């Protein structure tokens, strides 16, 4: 469990589970969502 303010948890999650949870949340901006998907694909292909 993270012990920070809700803003800190969403902006700078410290634990892997929280990072993945925040990254999975949909984004209402289609361009931003596309960039996030591309970034995630690059991370997966590079093994990060």
C-alpha atoms as a PDB file:
ATOM      1  CA  UNK A   1       0.000   0.000   0.000  1.00  0.00           C
ATOM      2  CA  UNK A   2       1.306   3.438  -0.920  1.00  0.00           C
ATOM      3  CA  UNK A   3       1.335   6.023   1.828  1.00  0.00           C
ATOM      4  CA  UNK A   4       1.316   9.272  -0.113  1.00  0.00           C
ATOM      5  CA  UNK A   5      -1.285  11.828  -1.107  1.00  0.00           C
ATOM      6  CA  UNK A   6      -3.572  10.706  -3.917  1.00  0.00           C
ATOM      7  CA  UNK A   7      -1.922  13.193  -6.271  1.00  0.00           C
ATOM      8  CA  UNK A   8       1.552  11.837  -5.480  1.00  0.00           C
ATOM      9  CA  UNK A   9       0.394   8.250  -5.962  1.00  0.00           C
ATOM     10  CA  UNK A  10      -1.090   9.067  -9.376  1.00  0.00           C
ATOM     11  CA  UNK A  11       1.750  11.278 -10.575  1.00  0.00           C
ATOM     12  CA  UNK A  12       4.702   9.385  -9.053  1.00  0.00           C
ATOM     13  CA  UNK A  13       3.646   5.861  -8.115  1.00  0.00           C
ATOM     14  CA  UNK A  14       6.442   4.046  -6.293  1.00  0.00           C
ATOM     15  CA  UNK A  15       5.292   0.446  -6.385  1.00  0.00           C
ATOM     16  CA  UNK A  16       5.192  -1.659  -9.553  1.00  0.00           C
ATOM     17  CA  UNK A  17       1.535  -2.633  -9.036  1.00  0.00           C
ATOM     18  CA  UNK A  18       0.482   1.013  -8.719  1.00  0.00           C
ATOM     19  CA  UNK A  19       2.549   2.025 -11.772  1.00  0.00           C
ATOM     20  CA  UNK A  20       0.826  -0.640 -13.861  1.00  0.00           C
ATOM     21  CA  UNK A  21      -2.587   0.270 -12.505  1.00  0.00           C
ATOM     22  CA  UNK A  22      -2.133   3.964 -13.331  1.00  0.00           C
ATOM     23  CA  UNK A  23      -0.752   3.115 -16.791  1.00  0.00           C
ATOM     24  CA  UNK A  24      -3.801   0.962 -17.555  1.00  0.00           C
ATOM     25  CA  UNK A  25      -6.296   3.763 -16.920  1.00  0.00           C
ATOM     26  CA  UNK A  26      -7.882   5.077 -20.135  1.00  0.00           C
ATOM     27  CA  UNK A  27      -7.009   8.583 -21.270  1.00  0.00           C
ATOM     28  CA  UNK A  28      -9.765  10.722 -22.847  1.00  0.00           C
ATOM     29  CA  UNK A  29      -7.307  12.371 -25.276  1.00  0.00           C
ATOM     30  CA  UNK A  30      -6.890  10.002 -28.277  1.00  0.00           C
ATOM     31  CA  UNK A  31      -3.495  11.455 -29.231  1.00  0.00           C
ATOM     32  CA  UNK A  32      -2.144  11.047 -25.710  1.00  0.00           C
ATOM     33  CA  UNK A  33      -3.573   7.521 -25.513  1.00  0.00           C
ATOM     34  CA  UNK A  34      -1.853   6.620 -28.815  1.00  0.00           C
ATOM     35  CA  UNK A  35       1.484   7.976 -27.553  1.00  0.00           C
ATOM     36  CA  UNK A  36       1.125   6.007 -24.312  1.00  0.00           C
ATOM     37  CA  UNK A  37       0.433   2.807 -26.254  1.00  0.00           C
ATOM     38  CA  UNK A  38       3.448   3.409 -28.502  1.00  0.00           C
ATOM     39  CA  UNK A  39       5.638   4.086 -25.475  1.00  0.00           C
ATOM     40  CA  UNK A  40       4.401   0.923 -23.755  1.00  0.00           C
ATOM     41  CA  UNK A  41       5.089  -1.118 -26.913  1.00  0.00           C
ATOM     42  CA  UNK A  42       8.632   0.231 -27.077  1.00  0.00           C
ATOM     43  CA  UNK A  43       9.206  -0.633 -23.422  1.00  0.00           C
ATOM     44  CA  UNK A  44       7.915  -4.163 -23.937  1.00  0.00           C
ATOM     45  CA  UNK A  45      10.040  -4.717 -27.038  1.00  0.00           C
ATOM     46  CA  UNK A  46      13.175  -3.410 -25.300  1.00  0.00           C
ATOM     47  CA  UNK A  47      12.566  -5.550 -22.229  1.00  0.00           C
ATOM     48  CA  UNK A  48      12.199  -2.607 -19.818  1.00  0.00           C
END
